[in-house]
């Protein structure tokens, strides 16, 4: 099968979409499929590197790292059309979705799309939320997705939102898989010591960590507020904020205001291949985000054997199992209670570590790719039947 994946977001960007695209690409290739990725260049240079086709683009500044393709048609797109993919799987709703639709129409092949991002949580990035409100974003999403052959939703939460928007095309729930082996690696005692030394941590420090993009919608501010109560009871506890993003300076200001700078450490940007070490360093992964559609960091934490304490959200249904591999909290006091329980009960923490790994095994990139291959075949068959019906109608009219 020839499969074209299109995405505005790709390396050197680091986010859930890029991770999802890379894992899907690797597993599809492993299964013997011919796969190409069509994406945007981040240095305005149009080029081909193996299976990756980079199109010229310019930054637009409406949200962090946003770029658009220029111009619409060029020789690389013509090369893709000559290659003649069997199906197109787009991953973002901007320039590359338009390119995907163009190629799909030219070749009369199915076009499916993974809806990674609930934009109603990110409207402030789009010109301060003054141009596109929640209602308008829903209408735009409905129009875009109803013009395709099928939609992939990473969670039931996302599917429910899309149904509420009025999307009528088939929606398949397929949890995004991750490369579990990356996070199951062991970290040496020496590596642990080096990281702690670099971050100014002592051997006796108990560590909890947030890992991910540092953005306002991730609600890290709430974690900092709740963490203050934890510090009052657990003196040798440290919170690591692993990653960077547009809200970093705001959080640093909050830490000073709350007077908790001795217990909060900002690591800055960490190389993707090094991230697993920080999950291994932590005894608990914490997050208060309710903006997730995939929850990849939850799966990364679990595959690293790190129990989770997070804010209750429908996206974690079946992922965080209450009292088994972690806890989800509703009330603020529950955050401290769950953190304290895990830290003080060695047996509970050890059991949660084992169950965390067991849960993560359900979200392997291989399972993800196999599910996608099944859907590709289903959508291609439906498209073929649709084409046959259209041909019959045309012949009857003649």
Protein backbone atom coordinates (compact mmCIF):
# COMPACT_ATOMS: atom_id res chain seq x y z
CA UNK A 1 0.00 0.00 0.00
CA UNK A 2 1.24 3.50 -0.84
CA UNK A 3 0.46 5.85 2.04
CA UNK A 4 1.02 9.61 2.08
CA UNK A 5 1.15 11.35 5.46
CA UNK A 6 0.85 15.14 5.42
CA UNK A 7 1.61 17.42 8.36
CA UNK A 8 2.46 21.06 9.03
CA UNK A 9 4.24 19.98 12.23
CA UNK A 10 7.44 18.00 11.87
CA UNK A 11 11.01 17.94 13.16
CA UNK A 12 12.75 20.02 14.46
CA UNK A 13 9.45 20.76 16.24
CA UNK A 14 8.83 18.57 19.30
CA UNK A 15 5.19 17.86 20.11
CA UNK A 16 2.56 15.13 20.16
CA UNK A 17 1.76 15.40 16.46
CA UNK A 18 5.40 14.96 15.46
CA UNK A 19 5.75 11.97 17.78
CA UNK A 20 2.58 10.41 16.39
CA UNK A 21 3.67 10.93 12.76
CA UNK A 22 7.12 9.43 13.34
CA UNK A 23 5.78 6.39 15.17
CA UNK A 24 3.16 5.77 12.49
CA UNK A 25 5.71 6.16 9.70
CA UNK A 26 8.18 3.71 11.29
CA UNK A 27 5.56 1.05 11.98
CA UNK A 28 3.97 1.30 8.52
CA UNK A 29 7.41 0.89 6.96
CA UNK A 30 8.06 -2.07 9.27
CA UNK A 31 4.87 -3.65 7.89
CA UNK A 32 6.22 -3.34 4.35
CA UNK A 33 4.19 -0.34 3.15
CA UNK A 34 5.54 2.42 0.90
CA UNK A 35 5.20 5.61 2.96
CA UNK A 36 6.09 9.23 2.32
CA UNK A 37 5.72 12.31 4.55
CA UNK A 38 4.86 15.67 2.99
CA UNK A 39 5.59 18.55 5.35
CA UNK A 40 6.85 22.12 5.67
CA UNK A 41 10.48 23.16 5.69
CA UNK A 42 11.49 25.27 8.69
CA UNK A 43 14.31 27.04 6.88
CA UNK A 44 12.38 27.89 3.67
CA UNK A 45 14.44 25.36 1.73
CA UNK A 46 12.51 22.97 -0.50
CA UNK A 47 14.12 19.53 -0.47
CA UNK A 48 13.67 15.76 -0.32
CA UNK A 49 15.37 13.64 2.34
CA UNK A 50 14.56 9.99 1.75
CA UNK A 51 10.80 9.65 2.24
CA UNK A 52 10.42 13.16 3.67
CA UNK A 53 9.35 15.92 1.27
CA UNK A 54 9.84 19.44 2.61
CA UNK A 55 7.87 22.26 0.98
CA UNK A 56 8.76 25.96 1.12
CA UNK A 57 6.98 27.86 3.88
CA UNK A 58 6.96 31.13 5.77
CA UNK A 59 6.24 31.91 9.42
CA UNK A 60 2.92 33.63 10.08
CA UNK A 61 3.15 34.38 13.80
CA UNK A 62 -0.51 33.77 14.70
CA UNK A 63 0.60 31.07 17.15
CA UNK A 64 3.99 29.65 18.20
CA UNK A 65 5.96 27.97 15.36
CA UNK A 66 3.07 28.46 12.89
CA UNK A 67 4.03 28.36 9.22
CA UNK A 68 2.16 28.23 5.92
CA UNK A 69 3.14 26.78 2.58
CA UNK A 70 4.03 29.00 -0.40
CA UNK A 71 3.03 28.73 -3.19
CA UNK A 72 0.21 26.15 -3.39
CA UNK A 73 1.53 24.15 -6.36
CA UNK A 74 5.11 23.09 -7.05
CA UNK A 75 7.28 20.32 -8.44
CA UNK A 76 7.43 18.26 -5.21
CA UNK A 77 3.65 18.01 -5.11
CA UNK A 78 3.75 16.92 -8.77
CA UNK A 79 6.29 14.25 -7.81
CA UNK A 80 3.95 12.95 -5.11
CA UNK A 81 1.07 12.86 -7.59
CA UNK A 82 3.23 10.86 -10.04
CA UNK A 83 4.13 8.49 -7.20
CA UNK A 84 0.34 7.96 -6.92
CA UNK A 85 -0.46 7.11 -3.29
CA UNK A 86 -3.43 4.86 -2.51
CA UNK A 87 -4.57 6.91 0.49
CA UNK A 88 -3.71 10.18 2.23
CA UNK A 89 -3.60 10.59 5.99
CA UNK A 90 -3.38 14.26 7.03
CA UNK A 91 -2.40 15.25 10.55
CA UNK A 92 -2.93 19.03 10.74
CA UNK A 93 -5.70 21.37 9.59
CA UNK A 94 -3.67 24.08 7.90
CA UNK A 95 -1.58 24.31 4.72
CA UNK A 96 -0.89 20.61 4.39
CA UNK A 97 -4.55 19.67 4.71
CA UNK A 98 -5.25 21.86 1.67
CA UNK A 99 -2.40 20.17 -0.19
CA UNK A 100 -3.73 16.75 0.85
CA UNK A 101 -7.22 17.66 -0.44
CA UNK A 102 -5.71 18.83 -3.75
CA UNK A 103 -3.82 15.54 -4.21
CA UNK A 104 -6.84 13.50 -3.13
CA UNK A 105 -9.07 15.25 -5.68
CA UNK A 106 -6.51 14.90 -8.48
CA UNK A 107 -6.09 11.16 -7.90
CA UNK A 108 -9.62 10.42 -6.65
CA UNK A 109 -8.25 8.60 -3.60
CA UNK A 110 -9.51 8.57 0.00
CA UNK A 111 -8.35 11.27 2.40
CA UNK A 112 -8.57 10.62 6.13
CA UNK A 113 -7.51 12.93 8.92
CA UNK A 114 -6.42 12.65 12.55
CA UNK A 115 -7.87 15.43 14.68
CA UNK A 116 -5.07 15.92 17.19
CA UNK A 117 -5.97 19.30 18.68
CA UNK A 118 -9.13 20.67 20.29
CA UNK A 119 -8.76 24.23 19.06
CA UNK A 120 -11.34 25.60 21.47
CA UNK A 121 -8.55 25.30 24.08
CA UNK A 122 -6.03 27.20 21.93
CA UNK A 123 -8.00 30.13 20.51
CA UNK A 124 -5.96 32.70 22.45
CA UNK A 125 -3.00 31.86 20.22
CA UNK A 126 -4.99 32.85 17.12
CA UNK A 127 -4.78 36.64 17.22
CA UNK A 128 -5.65 36.71 20.91
CA UNK A 129 -8.95 34.90 20.38
CA UNK A 130 -10.48 38.05 18.87
CA UNK A 131 -11.10 36.68 15.36
CA UNK A 132 -12.11 33.05 15.92
CA UNK A 133 -14.30 32.17 18.90
CA UNK A 134 -15.36 28.70 20.06
CA UNK A 135 -18.54 28.64 17.95
CA UNK A 136 -16.73 29.72 14.79
CA UNK A 137 -13.92 27.20 15.39
CA UNK A 138 -16.55 24.45 15.66
CA UNK A 139 -18.15 25.49 12.35
CA UNK A 140 -14.79 25.60 10.55
CA UNK A 141 -13.86 22.17 11.93
CA UNK A 142 -17.23 20.76 10.84
CA UNK A 143 -16.81 22.07 7.28
CA UNK A 144 -13.25 20.77 6.99
CA UNK A 145 -13.87 17.29 8.36
CA UNK A 146 -17.16 16.69 6.55
CA UNK A 147 -15.30 17.18 3.25
CA UNK A 148 -13.10 14.13 3.97
CA UNK A 149 -13.66 10.37 3.83
CA UNK A 150 -13.07 9.57 7.51
CA UNK A 151 -11.71 11.04 10.74
CA UNK A 152 -9.43 9.54 13.39
CA UNK A 153 -10.01 10.67 16.98
CA UNK A 154 -7.28 9.78 19.51
CA UNK A 155 -9.86 9.46 22.33
CA UNK A 156 -13.60 9.08 22.86
CA UNK A 157 -13.50 12.59 24.33
CA UNK A 158 -12.37 13.97 20.97
CA UNK A 159 -14.99 11.96 19.07
CA UNK A 160 -17.74 13.26 21.34
CA UNK A 161 -16.61 16.85 20.75
CA UNK A 162 -16.57 16.33 16.96
CA UNK A 163 -20.04 14.79 17.00
CA UNK A 164 -21.17 17.84 18.95
CA UNK A 165 -19.72 20.03 16.19
CA UNK A 166 -21.87 18.21 13.66
CA UNK A 167 -19.23 16.03 11.98
CA UNK A 168 -21.12 13.29 10.12
CA UNK A 169 -18.27 11.43 8.42
CA UNK A 170 -17.12 8.11 10.00
CA UNK A 171 -15.08 8.79 13.15
CA UNK A 172 -12.77 6.03 14.38
CA UNK A 173 -11.29 6.16 17.88
CA UNK A 174 -7.66 5.06 17.67
CA UNK A 175 -5.38 5.87 20.64
CA UNK A 176 -2.05 7.22 19.43
CA UNK A 177 0.72 4.72 20.06
CA UNK A 178 4.21 5.44 21.32
CA UNK A 179 7.55 3.70 21.05
CA UNK A 180 7.39 1.95 24.41
CA UNK A 181 10.96 0.65 24.18
CA UNK A 182 12.29 4.22 24.46
CA UNK A 183 10.67 4.66 27.86
CA UNK A 184 11.31 1.18 29.20
CA UNK A 185 15.05 1.75 29.12
CA UNK A 186 16.79 1.65 32.47
CA UNK A 187 18.63 4.68 33.76
CA UNK A 188 21.97 4.03 35.41
CA UNK A 189 22.72 5.17 38.94
CA UNK A 190 25.50 7.30 37.48
CA UNK A 191 23.08 9.05 35.09
CA UNK A 192 20.71 9.73 37.96
CA UNK A 193 23.50 11.27 39.99
CA UNK A 194 24.65 13.44 37.08
CA UNK A 195 21.16 14.80 36.43
CA UNK A 196 20.57 15.49 40.12
CA UNK A 197 23.92 17.23 40.40
CA UNK A 198 23.18 19.38 37.32
CA UNK A 199 19.76 20.35 38.70
CA UNK A 200 21.00 20.99 42.22
CA UNK A 201 19.08 18.06 43.71
CA UNK A 202 20.27 16.00 46.67
CA UNK A 203 20.17 12.22 46.98
CA UNK A 204 17.49 12.48 49.66
CA UNK A 205 15.08 14.57 47.54
CA UNK A 206 11.75 12.97 46.63
CA UNK A 207 10.93 14.00 43.08
CA UNK A 208 7.63 14.52 41.29
CA UNK A 209 7.62 15.81 37.72
CA UNK A 210 5.59 17.48 35.02
CA UNK A 211 6.92 16.61 31.55
CA UNK A 212 5.74 18.35 28.41
CA UNK A 213 5.15 21.64 26.67
CA UNK A 214 5.07 24.60 29.04
CA UNK A 215 1.94 26.39 27.84
CA UNK A 216 -0.94 28.12 29.61
CA UNK A 217 -3.52 25.52 28.53
CA UNK A 218 -1.49 22.79 30.27
CA UNK A 219 -2.62 24.34 33.58
CA UNK A 220 0.77 23.97 35.27
CA UNK A 221 -0.14 27.00 37.39
CA UNK A 222 -2.61 24.84 39.27
CA UNK A 223 0.06 22.24 39.98
CA UNK A 224 2.28 24.95 41.45
CA UNK A 225 -0.54 26.23 43.69
CA UNK A 226 -1.37 22.72 44.91
CA UNK A 227 2.30 21.84 45.33
CA UNK A 228 2.67 24.55 47.96
CA UNK A 229 0.44 22.49 50.28
CA UNK A 230 2.57 19.40 49.60
CA UNK A 231 5.77 21.27 50.58
CA UNK A 232 4.27 22.17 53.95
CA UNK A 233 4.02 18.46 54.83
CA UNK A 234 6.85 16.96 52.76
CA UNK A 235 9.95 19.12 53.26
CA UNK A 236 12.37 17.19 51.03
CA UNK A 237 10.12 17.05 47.98
CA UNK A 238 11.00 18.70 44.66
CA UNK A 239 8.87 19.40 41.60
CA UNK A 240 10.59 19.23 38.22
CA UNK A 241 9.07 21.14 35.30
CA UNK A 242 10.62 19.30 32.36
CA UNK A 243 10.39 21.16 29.07
CA UNK A 244 9.93 24.65 27.76
CA UNK A 245 7.29 26.79 26.08
CA UNK A 246 5.62 30.20 25.88
CA UNK A 247 4.38 30.18 29.48
CA UNK A 248 7.75 29.45 31.10
CA UNK A 249 8.48 32.98 32.36
CA UNK A 250 4.98 33.30 33.82
CA UNK A 251 5.51 30.11 35.81
CA UNK A 252 8.91 31.30 37.06
CA UNK A 253 7.26 34.50 38.25
CA UNK A 254 4.54 32.49 39.99
CA UNK A 255 7.14 30.30 41.73
CA UNK A 256 8.80 33.41 43.18
CA UNK A 257 5.45 34.89 44.19
CA UNK A 258 4.46 31.65 45.96
CA UNK A 259 7.94 31.53 47.56
CA UNK A 260 8.51 27.93 46.49
CA UNK A 261 11.65 28.46 44.38
CA UNK A 262 13.66 26.15 46.65
CA UNK A 263 11.35 23.27 45.77
CA UNK A 264 10.67 23.84 42.07
CA UNK A 265 13.25 23.17 39.35
CA UNK A 266 12.88 24.15 35.69
CA UNK A 267 15.00 21.91 33.48
CA UNK A 268 14.51 23.79 30.21
CA UNK A 269 14.47 21.95 26.89
CA UNK A 270 15.46 18.29 27.07
CA UNK A 271 16.52 16.23 24.04
CA UNK A 272 13.73 13.78 23.08
CA UNK A 273 16.06 10.80 23.51
CA UNK A 274 16.84 11.94 27.07
CA UNK A 275 13.25 12.52 28.27
CA UNK A 276 12.78 8.98 29.59
CA UNK A 277 15.48 9.64 32.20
CA UNK A 278 13.36 12.32 33.85
CA UNK A 279 10.34 10.02 34.09
CA UNK A 280 12.66 7.45 35.69
CA UNK A 281 14.00 10.08 38.06
CA UNK A 282 10.51 10.95 39.29
CA UNK A 283 8.40 8.91 41.69
CA UNK A 284 5.18 10.51 40.39
CA UNK A 285 4.15 12.21 37.15
CA UNK A 286 1.76 15.12 37.75
CA UNK A 287 -0.45 17.17 35.44
CA UNK A 288 -3.56 19.32 35.73
CA UNK A 289 -4.18 19.67 31.99
CA UNK A 290 -7.69 19.14 30.65
CA UNK A 291 -6.81 20.24 27.10
CA UNK A 292 -5.41 16.90 25.94
CA UNK A 293 -6.74 14.89 23.00
CA UNK A 294 -4.07 12.19 23.09
CA UNK A 295 -2.40 12.26 26.50
CA UNK A 296 0.90 10.98 25.13
CA UNK A 297 2.82 12.10 28.21
CA UNK A 298 0.50 9.98 30.35
CA UNK A 299 1.46 6.90 28.32
CA UNK A 300 5.14 7.85 28.37
CA UNK A 301 5.03 8.14 32.15
CA UNK A 302 3.25 4.82 32.54
CA UNK A 303 5.62 2.99 30.19
CA UNK A 304 8.48 4.39 32.30
CA UNK A 305 6.85 2.83 35.35
CA UNK A 306 5.94 6.22 36.81
CA UNK A 307 2.56 6.42 38.63
CA UNK A 308 0.34 9.39 37.75
CA UNK A 309 -1.53 11.99 39.77
CA UNK A 310 -3.62 14.11 37.41
CA UNK A 311 -6.73 16.22 37.18
CA UNK A 312 -9.81 14.21 36.24
CA UNK A 313 -10.54 14.40 32.52
CA UNK A 314 -12.41 12.18 30.07
CA UNK A 315 -9.28 11.81 27.89
CA UNK A 316 -7.66 9.59 30.56
CA UNK A 317 -10.54 7.13 30.68
CA UNK A 318 -8.98 3.66 30.68
CA UNK A 319 -5.48 5.14 30.92
CA UNK A 320 -5.25 6.26 34.55
CA UNK A 321 -6.92 3.57 36.67
CA UNK A 322 -7.84 4.96 40.05
CA UNK A 323 -5.70 3.44 42.80
CA UNK A 324 -4.13 0.96 40.35
CA UNK A 325 -1.56 2.89 38.32
CA UNK A 326 -2.26 6.36 39.69
CA UNK A 327 -4.97 8.73 40.85
CA UNK A 328 -7.07 11.45 39.28
CA UNK A 329 -8.23 14.24 41.55
CA UNK A 330 -11.34 16.42 41.49
CA UNK A 331 -10.88 18.51 44.62
CA UNK A 332 -7.71 20.38 45.51
CA UNK A 333 -7.20 18.55 48.81
CA UNK A 334 -7.15 15.25 46.93
CA UNK A 335 -3.96 16.24 45.13
CA UNK A 336 -1.97 16.38 48.37
CA UNK A 337 -3.65 13.24 49.71
CA UNK A 338 -2.77 11.15 46.62
CA UNK A 339 0.79 12.46 46.39
CA UNK A 340 1.31 11.69 50.08
CA UNK A 341 -0.17 8.16 49.79
CA UNK A 342 2.13 7.16 46.94
CA UNK A 343 5.26 8.60 48.58
CA UNK A 344 4.61 7.05 52.00
CA UNK A 345 3.36 3.60 50.93
CA UNK A 346 6.22 1.66 49.34
CA UNK A 347 4.04 -1.35 48.58
CA UNK A 348 1.41 0.79 46.86
CA UNK A 349 4.07 2.64 44.86
CA UNK A 350 5.75 -0.60 43.73
CA UNK A 351 2.42 -2.11 42.68
CA UNK A 352 1.51 1.06 40.80
CA UNK A 353 4.85 0.95 38.97
CA UNK A 354 4.13 -2.60 37.74
CA UNK A 355 0.55 -1.75 36.74
CA UNK A 356 1.73 1.41 34.98
CA UNK A 357 3.89 -0.66 32.62
CA UNK A 358 1.07 -3.18 32.07
CA UNK A 359 -1.34 -0.39 31.11
CA UNK A 360 1.16 1.22 28.73
CA UNK A 361 1.58 -2.03 26.78
CA UNK A 362 -1.89 -1.48 25.29
CA UNK A 363 -0.67 1.72 23.64
CA UNK A 364 2.30 0.48 21.64
CA UNK A 365 3.07 2.09 18.29
CA UNK A 366 2.75 -1.34 16.67
CA UNK A 367 -0.83 -1.76 17.88
CA UNK A 368 -1.55 1.79 16.74
CA UNK A 369 -0.22 1.13 13.23
CA UNK A 370 -2.10 -2.18 12.91
CA UNK A 371 -5.34 -0.41 13.80
CA UNK A 372 -4.59 2.28 11.22
CA UNK A 373 -3.86 -0.26 8.47
CA UNK A 374 -7.24 -1.88 9.12
CA UNK A 375 -8.96 1.50 8.82
CA UNK A 376 -7.04 2.38 5.65
CA UNK A 377 -8.30 -0.83 4.03
CA UNK A 378 -11.86 -0.18 5.21
CA UNK A 379 -11.89 3.41 3.91
CA UNK A 380 -10.30 2.41 0.58
CA UNK A 381 -12.96 -0.26 0.06
CA UNK A 382 -15.71 2.26 0.85
CA UNK A 383 -14.17 4.72 -1.64
CA UNK A 384 -14.02 2.06 -4.32
CA UNK A 385 -17.68 1.19 -3.78
CA UNK A 386 -18.54 4.89 -3.93
CA UNK A 387 -16.67 5.23 -7.23
CA UNK A 388 -18.50 2.22 -8.67
CA UNK A 389 -21.86 3.71 -7.68
CA UNK A 390 -20.93 7.04 -9.24
CA UNK A 391 -19.91 5.26 -12.44
CA UNK A 392 -23.24 3.42 -12.55
CA UNK A 393 -25.16 6.68 -12.07
CA UNK A 394 -23.16 8.30 -14.86
CA UNK A 395 -23.78 5.37 -17.23
CA UNK A 396 -27.53 5.41 -16.44
CA UNK A 397 -27.70 9.12 -17.25
CA UNK A 398 -25.96 8.51 -20.57
